[in-house]
C-alpha atoms as a PDB file:
ATOM      1  CA  MET A   1     -20.101-254.360  -2.045  1.00  0.00           C
ATOM      2  CA  SER A   2     -17.234-253.905  -3.949  1.00  0.00           C
ATOM      3  CA  SER A   3     -15.140-255.939  -6.681  1.00  0.00           C
ATOM      4  CA  PRO A   4     -13.039-258.542  -5.554  1.00  0.00           C
ATOM      5  CA  GLY A   5      -9.155-256.907  -6.264  1.00  0.00           C
ATOM      6  CA  ARG A   6     -10.193-253.514  -6.225  1.00  0.00           C
ATOM      7  CA  TYR A   7      -9.732-250.685  -3.828  1.00  0.00           C
ATOM      8  CA  PRO A   8     -12.049-248.699  -2.894  1.00  0.00           C
ATOM      9  CA  ALA A   9     -11.642-245.032  -4.525  1.00  0.00           C
ATOM     10  CA  HIS A  10     -11.155-242.252  -1.962  1.00  0.00           C
ATOM     11  CA  ASP A  11     -11.723-238.522  -2.524  1.00  0.00           C
ATOM     12  CA  SER A  12      -8.680-236.523  -2.192  1.00  0.00           C
ATOM     13  CA  ALA A  13      -8.817-232.662  -1.597  1.00  0.00           C
ATOM     14  CA  PRO A  14      -7.239-231.008  -4.510  1.00  0.00           C
ATOM     15  CA  THR A  15      -3.656-229.942  -4.680  1.00  0.00           C
ATOM     16  CA  ASP A  16      -2.696-226.144  -4.629  1.00  0.00           C
ATOM     17  CA  THR A  17       0.048-226.715  -7.069  1.00  0.00           C
ATOM     18  CA  HIS A  18       1.285-222.921  -7.188  1.00  0.00           C
ATOM     19  CA  SER A  19       1.145-222.570  -3.372  1.00  0.00           C
ATOM     20  CA  ALA A  20       3.532-225.478  -3.004  1.00  0.00           C
ATOM     21  CA  VAL A  21       5.919-223.709  -5.787  1.00  0.00           C
ATOM     22  CA  ASP A  22       5.838-220.617  -3.856  1.00  0.00           C
ATOM     23  CA  GLU A  23       6.546-221.978  -0.231  1.00  0.00           C
ATOM     24  CA  ALA A  24       9.378-224.008  -2.253  1.00  0.00           C
ATOM     25  CA  ALA A  25      10.953-221.329  -3.809  1.00  0.00           C
ATOM     26  CA  PRO A  26      13.014-218.321  -2.411  1.00  0.00           C
ATOM     27  CA  PRO A  27      11.337-215.024  -2.576  1.00  0.00           C
ATOM     28  CA  PRO A  28      11.716-212.961  -5.707  1.00  0.00           C
ATOM     29  CA  VAL A  29      15.299-210.376  -5.636  1.00  0.00           C
ATOM     30  CA  GLY A  30      14.850-207.450  -7.348  1.00  0.00           C
ATOM     31  CA  ARG A  31      16.914-207.226  -9.953  1.00  0.00           C
ATOM     32  CA  ARG A  32      20.500-205.468 -10.904  1.00  0.00           C
ATOM     33  CA  ARG A  33      20.799-203.543 -13.456  1.00  0.00           C
ATOM     34  CA  LYS A  34      24.080-204.638 -15.755  1.00  0.00           C
ATOM     35  CA  GLY A  35      26.473-201.698 -15.766  1.00  0.00           C
ATOM     36  CA  MET A  36      30.112-201.114 -17.330  1.00  0.00           C
ATOM     37  CA  SER A  37      32.658-202.836 -15.250  1.00  0.00           C
ATOM     38  CA  ALA A  38      35.740-201.259 -13.884  1.00  0.00           C
ATOM     39  CA  GLY A  39      38.049-202.439 -16.644  1.00  0.00           C
ATOM     40  CA  THR A  40      35.439-201.002 -19.050  1.00  0.00           C
ATOM     41  CA  LYS A  41      35.904-197.688 -17.749  1.00  0.00           C
ATOM     42  CA  VAL A  42      39.609-197.672 -17.568  1.00  0.00           C
ATOM     43  CA  ALA A  43      39.756-198.826 -21.673  1.00  0.00           C
ATOM     44  CA  LEU A  44      37.459-195.478 -22.167  1.00  0.00           C
ATOM     45  CA  GLY A  45      39.622-193.477 -20.095  1.00  0.00           C
ATOM     46  CA  VAL A  46      42.595-193.727 -21.428  1.00  0.00           C
ATOM     47  CA  GLY A  47      41.602-193.852 -24.834  1.00  0.00           C
ATOM     48  CA  ALA A  48      39.935-190.429 -24.302  1.00  0.00           C
ATOM     49  CA  ALA A  49      43.169-189.159 -23.085  1.00  0.00           C
ATOM     50  CA  ALA A  50      44.866-190.566 -26.420  1.00  0.00           C
ATOM     51  CA  LEU A  51      42.507-188.704 -28.482  1.00  0.00           C
ATOM     52  CA  VAL A  52      42.950-185.261 -26.343  1.00  0.00           C
ATOM     53  CA  LEU A  53      46.722-185.738 -26.714  1.00  0.00           C
ATOM     54  CA  ALA A  54      46.412-186.239 -30.371  1.00  0.00           C
ATOM     55  CA  ALA A  55      44.283-182.913 -31.173  1.00  0.00           C
ATOM     56  CA  ILE A  56      47.201-181.049 -28.875  1.00  0.00           C
ATOM     57  CA  GLY A  57      49.941-182.248 -30.970  1.00  0.00           C
ATOM     58  CA  VAL A  58      47.738-181.140 -34.420  1.00  0.00           C
ATOM     59  CA  VAL A  59      47.579-177.734 -32.857  1.00  0.00           C
ATOM     60  CA  ASP A  60      50.983-177.220 -32.249  1.00  0.00           C
ATOM     61  CA  SER A  61      52.185-178.852 -35.721  1.00  0.00           C
ATOM     62  CA  ILE A  62      49.707-176.456 -37.367  1.00  0.00           C
ATOM     63  CA  GLY A  63      50.970-173.216 -34.957  1.00  0.00           C
ATOM     64  CA  ARG A  64      54.680-174.445 -35.953  1.00  0.00           C
ATOM     65  CA  ASP A  65      53.962-174.396 -39.540  1.00  0.00           C
ATOM     66  CA  GLU A  66      52.300-170.967 -39.870  1.00  0.00           C
ATOM     67  CA  PRO A  67      54.874-168.227 -39.541  1.00  0.00           C
ATOM     68  CA  SER A  68      53.189-165.181 -37.004  1.00  0.00           C
ATOM     69  CA  THR A  69      53.942-161.689 -36.222  1.00  0.00           C
ATOM     70  CA  ALA A  70      55.016-160.421 -33.014  1.00  0.00           C
ATOM     71  CA  ASN A  71      50.704-159.689 -32.436  1.00  0.00           C
ATOM     72  CA  GLY A  72      49.878-163.507 -32.797  1.00  0.00           C
ATOM     73  CA  SER A  73      48.517-162.690 -36.525  1.00  0.00           C
ATOM     74  CA  SER A  74      49.987-164.485 -39.619  1.00  0.00           C
ATOM     75  CA  SER A  75      52.051-162.322 -41.583  1.00  0.00           C
ATOM     76  CA  THR A  76      50.790-161.972 -45.833  1.00  0.00           C
ATOM     77  CA  ALA A  77      51.994-158.867 -46.348  1.00  0.00           C
ATOM     78  CA  PRO A  78      55.299-158.315 -48.538  1.00  0.00           C
ATOM     79  CA  THR A  79      58.062-157.012 -46.700  1.00  0.00           C
ATOM     80  CA  VAL A  80      58.513-153.668 -48.056  1.00  0.00           C
ATOM     81  CA  VAL A  81      62.333-152.586 -48.603  1.00  0.00           C
ATOM     82  CA  SER A  82      62.767-149.102 -48.539  1.00  0.00           C
ATOM     83  CA  ALA A  83      65.610-147.949 -51.464  1.00  0.00           C
ATOM     84  CA  PRO A  84      69.169-146.658 -50.258  1.00  0.00           C
ATOM     85  CA  PRO A  85      69.623-142.980 -50.300  1.00  0.00           C
ATOM     86  CA  SER A  86      71.556-141.188 -52.673  1.00  0.00           C
ATOM     87  CA  THR A  87      75.100-139.918 -52.292  1.00  0.00           C
ATOM     88  CA  ALA A  88      76.618-136.947 -53.424  1.00  0.00           C
ATOM     89  CA  GLU A  89      78.839-138.963 -55.402  1.00  0.00           C
ATOM     90  CA  GLY A  90      76.133-140.064 -57.770  1.00  0.00           C
ATOM     91  CA  SER A  91      74.797-136.969 -58.196  1.00  0.00           C
ATOM     92  CA  GLU A  92      76.431-134.742 -61.548  1.00  0.00           C
ATOM     93  CA  PRO A  93      78.458-131.345 -60.497  1.00  0.00           C
ATOM     94  CA  ASP A  94      76.913-128.370 -61.401  1.00  0.00           C
ATOM     95  CA  MET A  95      78.100-127.231 -64.739  1.00  0.00           C
ATOM     96  CA  PRO A  96      79.691-123.771 -65.099  1.00  0.00           C
ATOM     97  CA  ALA A  97      78.145-120.878 -67.190  1.00  0.00           C
ATOM     98  CA  PRO A  98      80.242-120.336 -70.679  1.00  0.00           C
ATOM     99  CA  ALA A  99      82.901-118.594 -70.647  1.00  0.00           C
ATOM    100  CA  GLY A 100      82.315-114.701 -71.250  1.00  0.00           C
ATOM    101  CA  SER A 101      78.522-115.032 -70.020  1.00  0.00           C
ATOM    102  CA  ALA A 102      77.375-113.308 -66.838  1.00  0.00           C
ATOM    103  CA  VAL A 103      76.883-115.204 -63.822  1.00  0.00           C
ATOM    104  CA  ARG A 104      74.596-113.664 -60.947  1.00  0.00           C
ATOM    105  CA  ASP A 105      74.970-114.954 -57.439  1.00  0.00           C
ATOM    106  CA  GLY A 106      72.476-113.458 -54.210  1.00  0.00           C
ATOM    107  CA  LYS A 107      72.977-109.378 -55.286  1.00  0.00           C
ATOM    108  CA  PHE A 108      75.804-109.366 -57.321  1.00  0.00           C
ATOM    109  CA  GLU A 109      76.308-110.091 -61.514  1.00  0.00           C
ATOM    110  CA  PHE A 110      79.756-110.927 -62.203  1.00  0.00           C
ATOM    111  CA  HIS A 111      81.469-110.910 -65.812  1.00  0.00           C
ATOM    112  CA  VAL A 112      85.337-112.033 -66.239  1.00  0.00           C
ATOM    113  CA  LEU A 113      87.214-109.440 -68.137  1.00  0.00           C
ATOM    114  CA  GLY A 114      90.408-111.225 -68.675  1.00  0.00           C
ATOM    115  CA  THR A 115      92.898-113.590 -66.504  1.00  0.00           C
ATOM    116  CA  GLU A 116      96.822-113.257 -66.512  1.00  0.00           C
ATOM    117  CA  ARG A 117      99.642-115.383 -64.810  1.00  0.00           C
ATOM    118  CA  TRP A 118     102.901-114.526 -63.347  1.00  0.00           C
ATOM    119  CA  THR A 119     105.802-115.402 -61.080  1.00  0.00           C
ATOM    120  CA  THR A 120     107.028-112.168 -59.712  1.00  0.00           C
ATOM    121  CA  PRO A 121     106.718-111.577 -56.070  1.00  0.00           C
ATOM    122  CA  ILE A 122     103.809-109.117 -55.288  1.00  0.00           C
ATOM    123  CA  GLY A 123     104.572-106.403 -52.701  1.00  0.00           C
ATOM    124  CA  ASP A 124     101.894-104.669 -50.461  1.00  0.00           C
ATOM    125  CA  SER A 125     101.564-103.361 -47.083  1.00  0.00           C
ATOM    126  CA  PHE A 126     102.045-106.305 -45.514  1.00  0.00           C
ATOM    127  CA  GLY A 127     105.433-107.526 -47.268  1.00  0.00           C
ATOM    128  CA  VAL A 128     106.594-109.440 -50.263  1.00  0.00           C
ATOM    129  CA  GLN A 129     104.516-112.591 -51.121  1.00  0.00           C
ATOM    130  CA  ALA A 130     106.103-115.040 -54.057  1.00  0.00           C
ATOM    131  CA  PRO A 131     104.008-117.550 -55.388  1.00  0.00           C
ATOM    132  CA  LYS A 132     104.880-121.061 -54.211  1.00  0.00           C
ATOM    133  CA  GLY A 133     103.987-121.880 -58.108  1.00  0.00           C
ATOM    134  CA  GLU A 134     102.701-119.016 -59.938  1.00  0.00           C
ATOM    135  CA  PHE A 135     100.149-116.092 -59.597  1.00  0.00           C
ATOM    136  CA  PHE A 136      96.569-116.228 -61.626  1.00  0.00           C
ATOM    137  CA  THR A 137      94.603-113.563 -61.302  1.00  0.00           C
ATOM    138  CA  VAL A 138      91.171-112.948 -62.655  1.00  0.00           C
ATOM    139  CA  LYS A 139      89.520-109.583 -63.589  1.00  0.00           C
ATOM    140  CA  LEU A 140      86.225-109.367 -62.517  1.00  0.00           C
ATOM    141  CA  ARG A 141      83.182-106.798 -63.399  1.00  0.00           C
ATOM    142  CA  VAL A 142      81.118-106.839 -60.304  1.00  0.00           C
ATOM    143  CA  THR A 143      77.426-104.942 -60.595  1.00  0.00           C
ATOM    144  CA  ASN A 144      75.017-104.639 -57.571  1.00  0.00           C
ATOM    145  CA  ILE A 145      71.649-105.167 -58.452  1.00  0.00           C
ATOM    146  CA  GLY A 146      70.323-105.567 -55.102  1.00  0.00           C
ATOM    147  CA  ALA A 147      68.604-102.279 -53.105  1.00  0.00           C
ATOM    148  CA  ASN A 148      71.472-101.905 -50.654  1.00  0.00           C
ATOM    149  CA  ALA A 149      74.729-101.488 -51.250  1.00  0.00           C
ATOM    150  CA  ARG A 150      77.119-104.357 -50.569  1.00  0.00           C
ATOM    151  CA  SER A 151      80.620-104.994 -50.345  1.00  0.00           C
ATOM    152  CA  PHE A 152      82.437-107.540 -52.270  1.00  0.00           C
ATOM    153  CA  SER A 153      85.429-109.437 -50.831  1.00  0.00           C
ATOM    154  CA  ALA A 154      87.980-111.128 -53.241  1.00  0.00           C
ATOM    155  CA  ALA A 155      88.528-113.655 -50.677  1.00  0.00           C
ATOM    156  CA  ASN A 156      85.100-115.408 -50.946  1.00  0.00           C
ATOM    157  CA  GLN A 157      86.028-116.165 -54.380  1.00  0.00           C
ATOM    158  CA  LYS A 158      87.180-119.781 -55.436  1.00  0.00           C
ATOM    159  CA  LEU A 159      89.184-121.236 -58.283  1.00  0.00           C
ATOM    160  CA  ILE A 160      88.884-124.863 -59.747  1.00  0.00           C
ATOM    161  CA  ILE A 161      91.572-126.607 -61.453  1.00  0.00           C
ATOM    162  CA  ASP A 162      90.721-130.247 -62.318  1.00  0.00           C
ATOM    163  CA  GLY A 163      87.942-130.544 -59.741  1.00  0.00           C
ATOM    164  CA  GLU A 164      89.870-128.992 -56.800  1.00  0.00           C
ATOM    165  CA  GLU A 165      89.456-125.702 -55.383  1.00  0.00           C
ATOM    166  CA  TYR A 166      91.638-122.735 -54.886  1.00  0.00           C
ATOM    167  CA  LYS A 167      91.538-119.875 -52.073  1.00  0.00           C
ATOM    168  CA  ALA A 168      92.433-116.309 -53.333  1.00  0.00           C
ATOM    169  CA  THR A 169      95.616-115.324 -51.492  1.00  0.00           C
ATOM    170  CA  GLY A 170      94.787-111.721 -51.095  1.00  0.00           C
ATOM    171  CA  ALA A 171      97.697-110.228 -53.022  1.00  0.00           C
ATOM    172  CA  GLY A 172      97.872-107.864 -55.715  1.00  0.00           C
ATOM    173  CA  ASP A 173      93.789-107.339 -55.462  1.00  0.00           C
ATOM    174  CA  GLY A 174      92.426-104.244 -55.749  1.00  0.00           C
ATOM    175  CA  GLY A 175      88.819-105.547 -54.692  1.00  0.00           C
ATOM    176  CA  TRP A 176      89.524-107.249 -51.368  1.00  0.00           C
ATOM    177  CA  LEU A 177      87.206-105.100 -49.986  1.00  0.00           C
ATOM    178  CA  GLU A 178      85.140-103.107 -51.813  1.00  0.00           C
ATOM    179  CA  ASP A 179      81.737-101.003 -51.412  1.00  0.00           C
ATOM    180  CA  ILE A 180      79.484-101.104 -54.498  1.00  0.00           C
ATOM    181  CA  THR A 181      76.173 -99.305 -54.338  1.00  0.00           C
ATOM    182  CA  PRO A 182      73.076-100.307 -56.336  1.00  0.00           C
ATOM    183  CA  GLY A 183      73.007-100.293 -60.038  1.00  0.00           C
ATOM    184  CA  VAL A 184      76.942 -99.710 -60.327  1.00  0.00           C
ATOM    185  CA  SER A 185      79.478-101.616 -61.762  1.00  0.00           C
ATOM    186  CA  ALA A 186      83.078-102.205 -59.986  1.00  0.00           C
ATOM    187  CA  GLU A 187      86.325-104.004 -61.199  1.00  0.00           C
ATOM    188  CA  ALA A 188      88.283-106.152 -59.041  1.00  0.00           C
ATOM    189  CA  ARG A 189      91.126-108.427 -59.107  1.00  0.00           C
ATOM    190  CA  VAL A 190      90.912-111.806 -57.346  1.00  0.00           C
ATOM    191  CA  THR A 191      94.264-113.370 -57.086  1.00  0.00           C
ATOM    192  CA  PHE A 192      95.647-116.937 -56.526  1.00  0.00           C
ATOM    193  CA  ASP A 193      98.439-118.656 -55.851  1.00  0.00           C
ATOM    194  CA  ILE A 194      98.726-122.260 -58.529  1.00  0.00           C
ATOM    195  CA  PRO A 195     100.622-124.779 -58.984  1.00  0.00           C
ATOM    196  CA  ALA A 196     103.325-123.794 -62.264  1.00  0.00           C
ATOM    197  CA  ASP A 197     101.374-124.751 -65.744  1.00  0.00           C
ATOM    198  CA  ALA A 198      98.267-125.246 -64.027  1.00  0.00           C
ATOM    199  CA  GLN A 199      95.005-124.783 -66.493  1.00  0.00           C
ATOM    200  CA  PRO A 200      92.152-123.299 -64.351  1.00  0.00           C
ATOM    201  CA  GLN A 201      89.218-124.560 -66.137  1.00  0.00           C
ATOM    202  CA  ALA A 202      86.376-122.125 -64.200  1.00  0.00           C
ATOM    203  CA  ILE A 203      85.942-119.544 -61.078  1.00  0.00           C
ATOM    204  CA  GLU A 204      83.236-119.739 -58.369  1.00  0.00           C
ATOM    205  CA  LEU A 205      81.691-116.532 -57.546  1.00  0.00           C
ATOM    206  CA  HIS A 206      80.178-115.659 -54.585  1.00  0.00           C
ATOM    207  CA  ASP A 207      77.844-112.432 -53.415  1.00  0.00           C
ATOM    208  CA  SER A 208      79.117-113.373 -49.806  1.00  0.00           C
ATOM    209  CA  ILE A 209      81.065-116.008 -47.496  1.00  0.00           C
ATOM    210  CA  LEU A 210      77.543-117.681 -46.868  1.00  0.00           C
ATOM    211  CA  SER A 211      76.263-118.003 -50.453  1.00  0.00           C
ATOM    212  CA  GLY A 212      75.618-120.663 -52.911  1.00  0.00           C
ATOM    213  CA  GLY A 213      78.081-119.379 -55.474  1.00  0.00           C
ATOM    214  CA  THR A 214      77.829-119.853 -59.123  1.00  0.00           C
ATOM    215  CA  LEU A 215      80.468-121.457 -61.173  1.00  0.00           C
ATOM    216  CA  LEU A 216      82.087-119.232 -64.587  1.00  0.00           C
ATOM    217  CA  ALA A 217      83.781-121.046 -67.274  1.00  0.00           C
ATOM    218  CA  LEU A 218      87.252-119.258 -68.140  1.00  0.00           C
END
């Protein structure tokens, strides 16, 4: 018999708390992996492009600062400047041999025997020739030092007056064309028409018209 004012205790079945929670909660959903947002991707792309452009600018600046040759390599070798060629005016003229000495050109040896001048006209088979200034004649001894006979021509000789050349006139010379045998000497006269009172300094003597010639002071 129960006590007055008390209700009898009732046995209740155990409550399954876990099952209740499971039934009340929605089924679990798989977690979504967090990734970069679209804004972040755009910002990174712009930054990378800026870095690439900056690198290109640096390379271009370096390329402009370094001079390059035609093949693309930098030029470091010094420029070689060639010296200008010398002119004939810068070279010393040939000095004549002393007066009275013997000189040689080709197969002839020359020796001056004397000189003379006059103004009298000269007559020969071609007529009479008067000087424009005065005649100047150089007397020569010509020796053949070669092995064969050679012809001496007075027309190949030149007179030097103050650096200017005067050609033989052919008037009054007895050795205009004369054959000289080896080892033999011959005397010849070479006449020039020169300005009056001019003072010849040297005669340029030639073995032939093509020879280099040699100078002999008078």
